[in-house]
Amino acid sequence: MARRPGAPAAYGEDFSFVSPLVKYLLFFFNMLFWVISMVMVAVGVYARLMKHAATLENPPPGEEDSFGGTPPLPGTPLHRHQTQTERQPLPPEAALACLAVDPAILLIVVGILMFLLTFCGCIGSLRENICLLQTFSLCLTIVFLLQLAAGVLGFIFSDKARGKVSEIINNAIVHYRDDLDLQNLIDFGQKKFGCCGGISYKDWSLNMYFNCSEDNPSRERCSVPYSCCLPTPNQAVINTMCGQGMQALDYLEASKVIYTNGCIDRLVNWIHSNLFVLGGVALGLAIPQLVGILLSMILVSQIKDQIKLQLYNQQHRADPWY
């Protein structure tokens, strides 16, 4: 029977607009990152449990003996003389600050978000579910735009970004002894960039253990962490007391033993000298996101065309004039 004028060309019953290449490429693309997300969550949970167990068995340095059992001086706050088991809980903002730089927590949070996102992509591509695919594409687009906006705003408002970085570093110095991961992160940064404190080594007075005030009974009074010390060639054992009393010295005298420059300037200089590397890392993060967005949009378009074809086929079967 002749086809009606204007009717779409006829397709075989086995024809499909959905490309198996696009479908399974998107599926395995999401499956890869789905597995990575589960590994991230597992590693984060394991690290968090091990850290908690280690903290209970061996409290971080400075928590149990920084004050050496010295009786409180008149007018000294009580929390300065409490041991690890007796100290009051951290204020909410301090606890959030510690959690924000906890690698284990970051792994868990990022892993869970990636798990949910890639789950939508996996199931959506395998089941050809438009709702899940659109959710995956929308979320991935939002993540990409947020990253792009953060980079652009950080470049345009570099002064404000510098101020925010300074605030974060000073907050980390205040809570240096409150979290072992934060402590290790600061020590790594100071050794890596050859710096001490935010603006200068005297910023360590912000920490209650290293504070230079006369009423501070800590054994670490006026000191800086060992990571501020200049490296000693062929040193077999690290001298963790090398920063003792350094804040009481002037810049010239202190510079013979420790780094006196702050980490903010060193970090800015490092960023300026490694712009191409950072650009490559940003591009490496952006490409998989753009590939995921493109594949999901193509697959959604193909699924919609396939639905239209199925509706047309159902109509023409019931049309006696076709």
C-alpha atoms as a PDB file:
ATOM      1  CA  MET A   1       0.000   0.000   0.000  1.00  0.00           C
ATOM      2  CA  ALA A   2       1.359   3.436  -0.890  1.00  0.00           C
ATOM      3  CA  ARG A   3       2.737   5.652   1.837  1.00  0.00           C
ATOM      4  CA  ARG A   4       0.801   8.837   2.607  1.00  0.00           C
ATOM      5  CA  PRO A   5       2.396  12.092   1.416  1.00  0.00           C
ATOM      6  CA  GLY A   6       4.441  13.682   4.203  1.00  0.00           C
ATOM      7  CA  ALA A   7       4.723  10.464   6.236  1.00  0.00           C
ATOM      8  CA  PRO A   8       8.193   9.569   7.536  1.00  0.00           C
ATOM      9  CA  ALA A   9      10.208   6.982   5.656  1.00  0.00           C
ATOM     10  CA  ALA A  10       9.523   3.469   6.818  1.00  0.00           C
ATOM     11  CA  TYR A  11      12.094   1.685   8.989  1.00  0.00           C
ATOM     12  CA  GLY A  12      12.501  -2.013   9.664  1.00  0.00           C
ATOM     13  CA  GLU A  13      11.161  -3.467  12.879  1.00  0.00           C
ATOM     14  CA  ASP A  14      14.704  -4.017  14.160  1.00  0.00           C
ATOM     15  CA  PHE A  15      15.901  -0.480  13.433  1.00  0.00           C
ATOM     16  CA  SER A  16      16.924   1.675  16.412  1.00  0.00           C
ATOM     17  CA  PHE A  17      18.088   5.267  16.618  1.00  0.00           C
ATOM     18  CA  VAL A  18      20.003   4.402  19.812  1.00  0.00           C
ATOM     19  CA  SER A  19      23.647   3.797  18.945  1.00  0.00           C
ATOM     20  CA  PRO A  20      25.154   0.863  20.892  1.00  0.00           C
ATOM     21  CA  LEU A  21      28.539   2.617  20.682  1.00  0.00           C
ATOM     22  CA  VAL A  22      27.272   5.750  22.453  1.00  0.00           C
ATOM     23  CA  LYS A  23      25.190   3.752  24.926  1.00  0.00           C
ATOM     24  CA  TYR A  24      27.916   1.397  26.105  1.00  0.00           C
ATOM     25  CA  LEU A  25      30.675   3.969  25.877  1.00  0.00           C
ATOM     26  CA  LEU A  26      28.719   6.133  28.331  1.00  0.00           C
ATOM     27  CA  PHE A  27      27.986   3.087  30.487  1.00  0.00           C
ATOM     28  CA  PHE A  28      31.636   1.997  30.809  1.00  0.00           C
ATOM     29  CA  PHE A  29      32.712   5.615  31.238  1.00  0.00           C
ATOM     30  CA  ASN A  30      30.427   5.914  34.265  1.00  0.00           C
ATOM     31  CA  MET A  31      31.267   2.418  35.493  1.00  0.00           C
ATOM     32  CA  LEU A  32      34.955   3.370  35.694  1.00  0.00           C
ATOM     33  CA  PHE A  33      34.264   6.417  37.864  1.00  0.00           C
ATOM     34  CA  TRP A  34      31.641   4.467  39.836  1.00  0.00           C
ATOM     35  CA  VAL A  35      34.300   1.946  40.867  1.00  0.00           C
ATOM     36  CA  ILE A  36      36.727   4.787  41.644  1.00  0.00           C
ATOM     37  CA  SER A  37      34.088   6.415  43.871  1.00  0.00           C
ATOM     38  CA  MET A  38      33.565   3.199  45.841  1.00  0.00           C
ATOM     39  CA  VAL A  39      37.328   2.874  46.339  1.00  0.00           C
ATOM     40  CA  MET A  40      37.479   6.490  47.545  1.00  0.00           C
ATOM     41  CA  VAL A  41      34.700   5.907  50.079  1.00  0.00           C
ATOM     42  CA  ALA A  42      36.314   2.670  51.295  1.00  0.00           C
ATOM     43  CA  VAL A  43      39.727   4.313  51.694  1.00  0.00           C
ATOM     44  CA  GLY A  44      38.178   7.316  53.450  1.00  0.00           C
ATOM     45  CA  VAL A  45      36.236   5.176  55.927  1.00  0.00           C
ATOM     46  CA  TYR A  46      39.284   2.996  56.607  1.00  0.00           C
ATOM     47  CA  ALA A  47      41.522   6.043  57.134  1.00  0.00           C
ATOM     48  CA  ARG A  48      38.966   7.641  59.439  1.00  0.00           C
ATOM     49  CA  LEU A  49      38.659   4.484  61.557  1.00  0.00           C
ATOM     50  CA  MET A  50      42.445   4.026  61.756  1.00  0.00           C
ATOM     51  CA  LYS A  51      42.896   7.667  62.701  1.00  0.00           C
ATOM     52  CA  HIS A  52      40.272   7.409  65.446  1.00  0.00           C
ATOM     53  CA  ALA A  53      41.891   4.254  66.828  1.00  0.00           C
ATOM     54  CA  ALA A  54      45.371   5.795  66.705  1.00  0.00           C
ATOM     55  CA  THR A  55      44.133   8.949  68.440  1.00  0.00           C
ATOM     56  CA  LEU A  56      42.651   6.937  71.293  1.00  0.00           C
ATOM     57  CA  GLU A  57      45.832   4.904  71.742  1.00  0.00           C
ATOM     58  CA  ASN A  58      48.367   7.680  71.117  1.00  0.00           C
ATOM     59  CA  PRO A  59      47.031  11.246  71.468  1.00  0.00           C
ATOM     60  CA  PRO A  60      48.628  13.749  69.081  1.00  0.00           C
ATOM     61  CA  PRO A  61      51.788  15.469  70.356  1.00  0.00           C
ATOM     62  CA  GLY A  62      51.108  18.512  72.429  1.00  0.00           C
ATOM     63  CA  GLU A  63      47.721  17.327  73.663  1.00  0.00           C
ATOM     64  CA  GLU A  64      48.704  15.376  76.746  1.00  0.00           C
ATOM     65  CA  ASP A  65      52.002  16.908  77.754  1.00  0.00           C
ATOM     66  CA  SER A  66      52.358  20.355  76.190  1.00  0.00           C
ATOM     67  CA  PHE A  67      51.868  21.973  79.563  1.00  0.00           C
ATOM     68  CA  GLY A  68      53.858  19.338  81.399  1.00  0.00           C
ATOM     69  CA  GLY A  69      51.379  19.011  84.221  1.00  0.00           C
ATOM     70  CA  THR A  70      52.045  22.588  85.305  1.00  0.00           C
ATOM     71  CA  PRO A  71      49.339  23.824  87.633  1.00  0.00           C
ATOM     72  CA  PRO A  72      47.158  26.573  86.201  1.00  0.00           C
ATOM     73  CA  LEU A  73      48.408  30.083  86.673  1.00  0.00           C
ATOM     74  CA  PRO A  74      46.039  32.694  88.066  1.00  0.00           C
ATOM     75  CA  GLY A  75      43.738  33.950  85.371  1.00  0.00           C
ATOM     76  CA  THR A  76      44.710  31.192  82.894  1.00  0.00           C
ATOM     77  CA  PRO A  77      41.742  29.594  81.108  1.00  0.00           C
ATOM     78  CA  LEU A  78      40.945  26.099  82.314  1.00  0.00           C
ATOM     79  CA  HIS A  79      41.026  24.538  78.848  1.00  0.00           C
ATOM     80  CA  ARG A  80      44.733  25.274  78.575  1.00  0.00           C
ATOM     81  CA  HIS A  81      45.447  22.689  81.308  1.00  0.00           C
ATOM     82  CA  GLN A  82      43.104  19.900  80.369  1.00  0.00           C
ATOM     83  CA  THR A  83      44.443  16.654  78.975  1.00  0.00           C
ATOM     84  CA  GLN A  84      43.208  14.958  75.806  1.00  0.00           C
ATOM     85  CA  THR A  85      40.531  13.068  77.727  1.00  0.00           C
ATOM     86  CA  GLU A  86      39.467  16.053  79.815  1.00  0.00           C
ATOM     87  CA  ARG A  87      39.378  18.814  77.214  1.00  0.00           C
ATOM     88  CA  GLN A  88      36.089  20.355  76.307  1.00  0.00           C
ATOM     89  CA  PRO A  89      34.702  19.531  72.850  1.00  0.00           C
ATOM     90  CA  LEU A  90      35.718  21.842  70.031  1.00  0.00           C
ATOM     91  CA  PRO A  91      33.319  24.654  69.178  1.00  0.00           C
ATOM     92  CA  PRO A  92      31.187  23.914  66.092  1.00  0.00           C
ATOM     93  CA  GLU A  93      33.158  26.276  63.845  1.00  0.00           C
ATOM     94  CA  ALA A  94      36.448  24.731  64.962  1.00  0.00           C
ATOM     95  CA  ALA A  95      35.136  21.222  64.401  1.00  0.00           C
ATOM     96  CA  LEU A  96      33.932  22.187  60.913  1.00  0.00           C
ATOM     97  CA  ALA A  97      37.315  23.739  60.157  1.00  0.00           C
ATOM     98  CA  CYS A  98      39.057  20.501  61.114  1.00  0.00           C
ATOM     99  CA  LEU A  99      36.622  18.378  59.105  1.00  0.00           C
ATOM    100  CA  ALA A 100      37.031  20.613  56.055  1.00  0.00           C
ATOM    101  CA  VAL A 101      40.735  19.760  55.809  1.00  0.00           C
ATOM    102  CA  ASP A 102      40.413  16.137  56.913  1.00  0.00           C
ATOM    103  CA  PRO A 103      41.500  14.069  53.880  1.00  0.00           C
ATOM    104  CA  ALA A 104      39.437  11.088  55.050  1.00  0.00           C
ATOM    105  CA  ILE A 105      36.244  13.164  55.285  1.00  0.00           C
ATOM    106  CA  LEU A 106      36.940  14.783  51.922  1.00  0.00           C
ATOM    107  CA  LEU A 107      37.421  11.352  50.325  1.00  0.00           C
ATOM    108  CA  ILE A 108      34.152  10.101  51.795  1.00  0.00           C
ATOM    109  CA  VAL A 109      32.104  13.165  50.779  1.00  0.00           C
ATOM    110  CA  VAL A 110      33.531  13.391  47.253  1.00  0.00           C
ATOM    111  CA  GLY A 111      33.242   9.608  46.857  1.00  0.00           C
ATOM    112  CA  ILE A 112      29.573   9.571  47.864  1.00  0.00           C
ATOM    113  CA  LEU A 113      28.692  12.438  45.526  1.00  0.00           C
ATOM    114  CA  MET A 114      30.587  10.792  42.664  1.00  0.00           C
ATOM    115  CA  PHE A 115      28.904   7.459  43.451  1.00  0.00           C
ATOM    116  CA  LEU A 116      25.415   8.959  43.203  1.00  0.00           C
ATOM    117  CA  LEU A 117      26.244  10.892  40.044  1.00  0.00           C
ATOM    118  CA  THR A 118      27.838   7.981  38.194  1.00  0.00           C
ATOM    119  CA  PHE A 119      25.061   5.665  39.388  1.00  0.00           C
ATOM    120  CA  CYS A 120      22.569   7.833  37.492  1.00  0.00           C
ATOM    121  CA  GLY A 121      24.820   7.692  34.440  1.00  0.00           C
ATOM    122  CA  CYS A 122      25.319   3.910  34.606  1.00  0.00           C
ATOM    123  CA  ILE A 123      21.685   2.939  35.112  1.00  0.00           C
ATOM    124  CA  GLY A 124      20.398   5.688  32.827  1.00  0.00           C
ATOM    125  CA  SER A 125      22.561   4.578  29.897  1.00  0.00           C
ATOM    126  CA  LEU A 126      21.983   0.864  30.450  1.00  0.00           C
ATOM    127  CA  ARG A 127      18.197   1.177  30.835  1.00  0.00           C
ATOM    128  CA  GLU A 128      17.910   4.081  28.386  1.00  0.00           C
ATOM    129  CA  ASN A 129      16.190   6.131  31.081  1.00  0.00           C
ATOM    130  CA  ILE A 130      15.826   9.758  30.015  1.00  0.00           C
ATOM    131  CA  CYS A 131      15.156  11.043  33.545  1.00  0.00           C
ATOM    132  CA  LEU A 132      18.354   9.547  34.975  1.00  0.00           C
ATOM    133  CA  LEU A 133      20.419  10.647  31.980  1.00  0.00           C
ATOM    134  CA  GLN A 134      19.134  14.210  32.203  1.00  0.00           C
ATOM    135  CA  THR A 135      19.827  14.245  35.956  1.00  0.00           C
ATOM    136  CA  PHE A 136      23.368  13.021  35.284  1.00  0.00           C
ATOM    137  CA  SER A 137      23.918  15.592  32.529  1.00  0.00           C
ATOM    138  CA  LEU A 138      22.473  18.463  34.591  1.00  0.00           C
ATOM    139  CA  CYS A 139      24.533  17.656  37.710  1.00  0.00           C
ATOM    140  CA  LEU A 140      27.719  17.252  35.681  1.00  0.00           C
ATOM    141  CA  THR A 141      27.048  20.568  33.936  1.00  0.00           C
ATOM    142  CA  ILE A 142      26.521  22.309  37.294  1.00  0.00           C
ATOM    143  CA  VAL A 143      29.778  20.862  38.658  1.00  0.00           C
ATOM    144  CA  PHE A 144      31.663  21.982  35.540  1.00  0.00           C
ATOM    145  CA  LEU A 145      30.189  25.507  35.668  1.00  0.00           C
ATOM    146  CA  LEU A 146      30.975  25.841  39.385  1.00  0.00           C
ATOM    147  CA  GLN A 147      34.588  24.861  38.774  1.00  0.00           C
ATOM    148  CA  LEU A 148      34.806  27.285  35.864  1.00  0.00           C
ATOM    149  CA  ALA A 149      33.226  30.098  37.903  1.00  0.00           C
ATOM    150  CA  ALA A 150      35.581  29.458  40.830  1.00  0.00           C
ATOM    151  CA  GLY A 151      38.606  29.664  38.532  1.00  0.00           C
ATOM    152  CA  VAL A 152      37.425  32.847  36.809  1.00  0.00           C
ATOM    153  CA  LEU A 153      36.415  34.584  40.048  1.00  0.00           C
ATOM    154  CA  GLY A 154      39.665  33.557  41.720  1.00  0.00           C
ATOM    155  CA  PHE A 155      41.598  35.119  38.829  1.00  0.00           C
ATOM    156  CA  ILE A 156      39.524  38.316  38.676  1.00  0.00           C
ATOM    157  CA  PHE A 157      39.284  38.871  42.442  1.00  0.00           C
ATOM    158  CA  SER A 158      42.817  37.682  43.230  1.00  0.00           C
ATOM    159  CA  ASP A 159      43.158  40.089  46.172  1.00  0.00           C
ATOM    160  CA  LYS A 160      40.016  38.776  47.842  1.00  0.00           C
ATOM    161  CA  ALA A 161      41.096  35.221  47.085  1.00  0.00           C
ATOM    162  CA  ARG A 162      44.443  35.952  48.733  1.00  0.00           C
ATOM    163  CA  GLY A 163      42.638  37.316  51.796  1.00  0.00           C
ATOM    164  CA  LYS A 164      40.483  34.192  51.977  1.00  0.00           C
ATOM    165  CA  VAL A 165      43.555  31.960  51.719  1.00  0.00           C
ATOM    166  CA  SER A 166      45.177  33.975  54.509  1.00  0.00           C
ATOM    167  CA  GLU A 167      42.085  33.487  56.662  1.00  0.00           C
ATOM    168  CA  ILE A 168      42.087  29.738  56.023  1.00  0.00           C
ATOM    169  CA  ILE A 169      45.795  29.414  56.866  1.00  0.00           C
ATOM    170  CA  ASN A 170      45.433  31.418  60.084  1.00  0.00           C
ATOM    171  CA  ASN A 171      42.453  29.282  61.089  1.00  0.00           C
ATOM    172  CA  ALA A 172      44.500  26.161  60.397  1.00  0.00           C
ATOM    173  CA  ILE A 173      47.315  27.509  62.592  1.00  0.00           C
ATOM    174  CA  VAL A 174      44.857  28.055  65.456  1.00  0.00           C
ATOM    175  CA  HIS A 175      43.691  24.428  65.255  1.00  0.00           C
ATOM    176  CA  TYR A 176      47.108  22.912  64.483  1.00  0.00           C
ATOM    177  CA  ARG A 177      47.011  20.588  67.493  1.00  0.00           C
ATOM    178  CA  ASP A 178      43.316  19.777  67.261  1.00  0.00           C
ATOM    179  CA  ASP A 179      43.515  17.374  64.333  1.00  0.00           C
ATOM    180  CA  LEU A 180      46.352  15.039  63.337  1.00  0.00           C
ATOM    181  CA  ASP A 181      45.581  15.222  59.608  1.00  0.00           C
ATOM    182  CA  LEU A 182      45.543  19.024  59.728  1.00  0.00           C
ATOM    183  CA  GLN A 183      48.857  18.975  61.569  1.00  0.00           C
ATOM    184  CA  ASN A 184      50.438  16.675  58.984  1.00  0.00           C
ATOM    185  CA  LEU A 185      49.050  18.814  56.147  1.00  0.00           C
ATOM    186  CA  ILE A 186      50.537  22.019  57.591  1.00  0.00           C
ATOM    187  CA  ASP A 187      53.888  20.345  58.248  1.00  0.00           C
ATOM    188  CA  PHE A 188      53.974  19.006  54.682  1.00  0.00           C
ATOM    189  CA  GLY A 189      53.125  22.444  53.246  1.00  0.00           C
ATOM    190  CA  GLN A 190      55.757  24.267  55.290  1.00  0.00           C
ATOM    191  CA  LYS A 191      58.465  21.772  54.354  1.00  0.00           C
ATOM    192  CA  LYS A 192      57.386  21.657  50.697  1.00  0.00           C
ATOM    193  CA  PHE A 193      57.341  25.441  50.183  1.00  0.00           C
ATOM    194  CA  GLY A 194      60.081  26.312  52.681  1.00  0.00           C
ATOM    195  CA  CYS A 195      57.935  28.682  54.713  1.00  0.00           C
ATOM    196  CA  CYS A 196      56.580  29.218  58.203  1.00  0.00           C
ATOM    197  CA  GLY A 197      53.179  30.622  59.192  1.00  0.00           C
ATOM    198  CA  GLY A 198      50.870  32.684  57.000  1.00  0.00           C
ATOM    199  CA  ILE A 199      52.642  36.054  56.649  1.00  0.00           C
ATOM    200  CA  SER A 200      55.649  35.238  58.829  1.00  0.00           C
ATOM    201  CA  TYR A 201      56.836  32.787  61.480  1.00  0.00           C
ATOM    202  CA  LYS A 202      55.363  35.001  64.206  1.00  0.00           C
ATOM    203  CA  ASP A 203      51.857  33.984  63.069  1.00  0.00           C
ATOM    204  CA  TRP A 204      52.301  30.876  65.206  1.00  0.00           C
ATOM    205  CA  SER A 205      51.437  33.003  68.236  1.00  0.00           C
ATOM    206  CA  LEU A 206      47.829  32.514  67.092  1.00  0.00           C
ATOM    207  CA  ASN A 207      48.079  28.942  68.367  1.00  0.00           C
ATOM    208  CA  MET A 208      47.548  28.619  72.116  1.00  0.00           C
ATOM    209  CA  TYR A 209      50.452  26.173  72.517  1.00  0.00           C
ATOM    210  CA  PHE A 210      52.954  28.413  70.678  1.00  0.00           C
ATOM    211  CA  ASN A 211      51.566  31.726  71.945  1.00  0.00           C
ATOM    212  CA  CYS A 212      54.229  34.101  73.258  1.00  0.00           C
ATOM    213  CA  SER A 213      52.173  35.680  76.034  1.00  0.00           C
ATOM    214  CA  GLU A 214      53.724  35.678  79.505  1.00  0.00           C
ATOM    215  CA  ASP A 215      50.859  33.709  81.049  1.00  0.00           C
ATOM    216  CA  ASN A 216      51.215  30.800  78.637  1.00  0.00           C
ATOM    217  CA  PRO A 217      52.527  27.812  80.656  1.00  0.00           C
ATOM    218  CA  SER A 218      53.115  25.608  77.577  1.00  0.00           C
ATOM    219  CA  ARG A 219      56.547  24.077  77.056  1.00  0.00           C
ATOM    220  CA  GLU A 220      56.192  25.169  73.429  1.00  0.00           C
ATOM    221  CA  ARG A 221      55.722  28.835  74.309  1.00  0.00           C
ATOM    222  CA  CYS A 222      57.210  31.154  71.655  1.00  0.00           C
ATOM    223  CA  SER A 223      58.185  28.156  69.532  1.00  0.00           C
ATOM    224  CA  VAL A 224      57.294  27.057  66.001  1.00  0.00           C
ATOM    225  CA  PRO A 225      56.694  23.546  64.611  1.00  0.00           C
ATOM    226  CA  TYR A 226      59.719  21.531  63.545  1.00  0.00           C
ATOM    227  CA  SER A 227      58.550  21.790  59.922  1.00  0.00           C
ATOM    228  CA  CYS A 228      59.625  25.455  59.984  1.00  0.00           C
ATOM    229  CA  CYS A 229      63.267  24.497  60.596  1.00  0.00           C
ATOM    230  CA  LEU A 230      65.903  24.677  57.877  1.00  0.00           C
ATOM    231  CA  PRO A 231      66.929  21.205  56.675  1.00  0.00           C
ATOM    232  CA  THR A 232      70.116  19.797  58.153  1.00  0.00           C
ATOM    233  CA  PRO A 233      72.273  17.759  55.736  1.00  0.00           C
ATOM    234  CA  ASN A 234      72.773  14.076  56.604  1.00  0.00           C
ATOM    235  CA  GLN A 235      70.434  14.329  59.594  1.00  0.00           C
ATOM    236  CA  ALA A 236      69.526  10.786  60.695  1.00  0.00           C
ATOM    237  CA  VAL A 237      67.006  11.763  63.381  1.00  0.00           C
ATOM    238  CA  ILE A 238      64.620  14.708  63.032  1.00  0.00           C
ATOM    239  CA  ASN A 239      64.994  17.267  65.811  1.00  0.00           C
ATOM    240  CA  THR A 240      61.383  18.099  66.659  1.00  0.00           C
ATOM    241  CA  MET A 241      62.518  20.748  69.174  1.00  0.00           C
ATOM    242  CA  CYS A 242      64.531  22.800  66.673  1.00  0.00           C
ATOM    243  CA  GLY A 243      61.905  25.566  66.661  1.00  0.00           C
ATOM    244  CA  GLN A 244      62.070  26.133  70.414  1.00  0.00           C
ATOM    245  CA  GLY A 245      61.854  29.841  71.324  1.00  0.00           C
ATOM    246  CA  MET A 246      62.198  31.038  67.715  1.00  0.00           C
ATOM    247  CA  GLN A 247      59.408  33.604  67.954  1.00  0.00           C
ATOM    248  CA  ALA A 248      61.363  35.466  70.620  1.00  0.00           C
ATOM    249  CA  LEU A 249      64.202  36.064  68.111  1.00  0.00           C
ATOM    250  CA  ASP A 250      64.276  38.761  65.444  1.00  0.00           C
ATOM    251  CA  TYR A 251      64.123  37.923  61.742  1.00  0.00           C
ATOM    252  CA  LEU A 252      67.871  37.907  61.197  1.00  0.00           C
ATOM    253  CA  GLU A 253      68.649  35.583  64.096  1.00  0.00           C
ATOM    254  CA  ALA A 254      65.658  33.326  63.458  1.00  0.00           C
ATOM    255  CA  SER A 255      66.497  32.998  59.739  1.00  0.00           C
ATOM    256  CA  LYS A 256      69.664  31.076  60.686  1.00  0.00           C
ATOM    257  CA  VAL A 257      67.529  28.254  62.102  1.00  0.00           C
ATOM    258  CA  ILE A 258      64.042  28.429  60.550  1.00  0.00           C
ATOM    259  CA  TYR A 259      62.183  29.706  57.508  1.00  0.00           C
ATOM    260  CA  THR A 260      60.950  33.202  58.329  1.00  0.00           C
ATOM    261  CA  ASN A 261      58.919  33.898  55.168  1.00  0.00           C
ATOM    262  CA  GLY A 262      55.186  33.177  55.253  1.00  0.00           C
ATOM    263  CA  CYS A 263      53.515  30.477  53.198  1.00  0.00           C
ATOM    264  CA  ILE A 264      51.043  32.778  51.427  1.00  0.00           C
ATOM    265  CA  ASP A 265      53.721  34.549  49.339  1.00  0.00           C
ATOM    266  CA  ARG A 266      55.457  31.237  48.615  1.00  0.00           C
ATOM    267  CA  LEU A 267      52.171  29.695  47.515  1.00  0.00           C
ATOM    268  CA  VAL A 268      51.379  32.635  45.203  1.00  0.00           C
ATOM    269  CA  ASN A 269      54.859  32.443  43.666  1.00  0.00           C
ATOM    270  CA  TRP A 270      54.495  28.685  43.171  1.00  0.00           C
ATOM    271  CA  ILE A 271      51.147  29.156  41.415  1.00  0.00           C
ATOM    272  CA  HIS A 272      52.599  31.816  39.099  1.00  0.00           C
ATOM    273  CA  SER A 273      55.548  29.587  38.179  1.00  0.00           C
ATOM    274  CA  ASN A 274      53.353  26.529  37.568  1.00  0.00           C
ATOM    275  CA  LEU A 275      50.456  28.025  35.635  1.00  0.00           C
ATOM    276  CA  PHE A 276      50.902  25.634  32.705  1.00  0.00           C
ATOM    277  CA  VAL A 277      50.897  22.608  35.008  1.00  0.00           C
ATOM    278  CA  LEU A 278      47.800  23.836  36.825  1.00  0.00           C
ATOM    279  CA  GLY A 279      46.153  24.566  33.483  1.00  0.00           C
ATOM    280  CA  GLY A 280      46.892  21.009  32.375  1.00  0.00           C
ATOM    281  CA  VAL A 281      45.374  19.609  35.570  1.00  0.00           C
ATOM    282  CA  ALA A 282      42.267  21.771  35.109  1.00  0.00           C
ATOM    283  CA  LEU A 283      41.973  20.609  31.498  1.00  0.00           C
ATOM    284  CA  GLY A 284      42.389  16.997  32.598  1.00  0.00           C
ATOM    285  CA  LEU A 285      39.486  17.437  35.023  1.00  0.00           C
ATOM    286  CA  ALA A 286      37.317  19.266  32.496  1.00  0.00           C
ATOM    287  CA  ILE A 287      37.652  16.843  29.560  1.00  0.00           C
ATOM    288  CA  PRO A 288      35.993  13.819  31.259  1.00  0.00           C
ATOM    289  CA  GLN A 289      33.153  16.054  32.443  1.00  0.00           C
ATOM    290  CA  LEU A 290      32.592  17.474  28.951  1.00  0.00           C
ATOM    291  CA  VAL A 291      32.746  13.973  27.427  1.00  0.00           C
ATOM    292  CA  GLY A 292      30.140  12.741  29.933  1.00  0.00           C
ATOM    293  CA  ILE A 293      27.847  15.719  29.234  1.00  0.00           C
ATOM    294  CA  LEU A 294      28.180  15.294  25.439  1.00  0.00           C
ATOM    295  CA  LEU A 295      27.569  11.525  25.452  1.00  0.00           C
ATOM    296  CA  SER A 296      24.550  11.813  27.745  1.00  0.00           C
ATOM    297  CA  MET A 297      22.978  14.553  25.601  1.00  0.00           C
ATOM    298  CA  ILE A 298      23.527  12.515  22.418  1.00  0.00           C
ATOM    299  CA  LEU A 299      22.016   9.427  24.031  1.00  0.00           C
ATOM    300  CA  VAL A 300      18.984  11.361  25.311  1.00  0.00           C
ATOM    301  CA  SER A 301      18.395  12.752  21.815  1.00  0.00           C
ATOM    302  CA  GLN A 302      18.630   9.266  20.302  1.00  0.00           C
ATOM    303  CA  ILE A 303      16.243   7.807  22.885  1.00  0.00           C
ATOM    304  CA  LYS A 304      13.691  10.558  22.145  1.00  0.00           C
ATOM    305  CA  ASP A 305      13.944   9.821  18.414  1.00  0.00           C
ATOM    306  CA  GLN A 306      13.463   6.125  19.128  1.00  0.00           C
ATOM    307  CA  ILE A 307      10.348   6.865  21.180  1.00  0.00           C
ATOM    308  CA  LYS A 308       8.951   8.949  18.324  1.00  0.00           C
ATOM    309  CA  LEU A 309       9.652   6.093  15.906  1.00  0.00           C
ATOM    310  CA  GLN A 310       7.880   3.582  18.143  1.00  0.00           C
ATOM    311  CA  LEU A 311       4.834   5.856  18.429  1.00  0.00           C
ATOM    312  CA  TYR A 312       4.776   6.331  14.659  1.00  0.00           C
ATOM    313  CA  ASN A 313       5.024   2.579  14.041  1.00  0.00           C
ATOM    314  CA  GLN A 314       2.154   1.940  16.456  1.00  0.00           C
ATOM    315  CA  GLN A 315       0.018   4.533  14.678  1.00  0.00           C
ATOM    316  CA  HIS A 316       0.720   3.297  11.144  1.00  0.00           C
ATOM    317  CA  ARG A 317      -0.101  -0.293  12.098  1.00  0.00           C
ATOM    318  CA  ALA A 318      -3.580   0.873  13.038  1.00  0.00           C
ATOM    319  CA  ASP A 319      -3.884   3.128   9.993  1.00  0.00           C
ATOM    320  CA  PRO A 320      -5.681   1.303   7.158  1.00  0.00           C
ATOM    321  CA  TRP A 321      -4.612   4.002   4.667  1.00  0.00           C
ATOM    322  CA  TYR A 322      -0.882   3.529   5.266  1.00  0.00           C
END
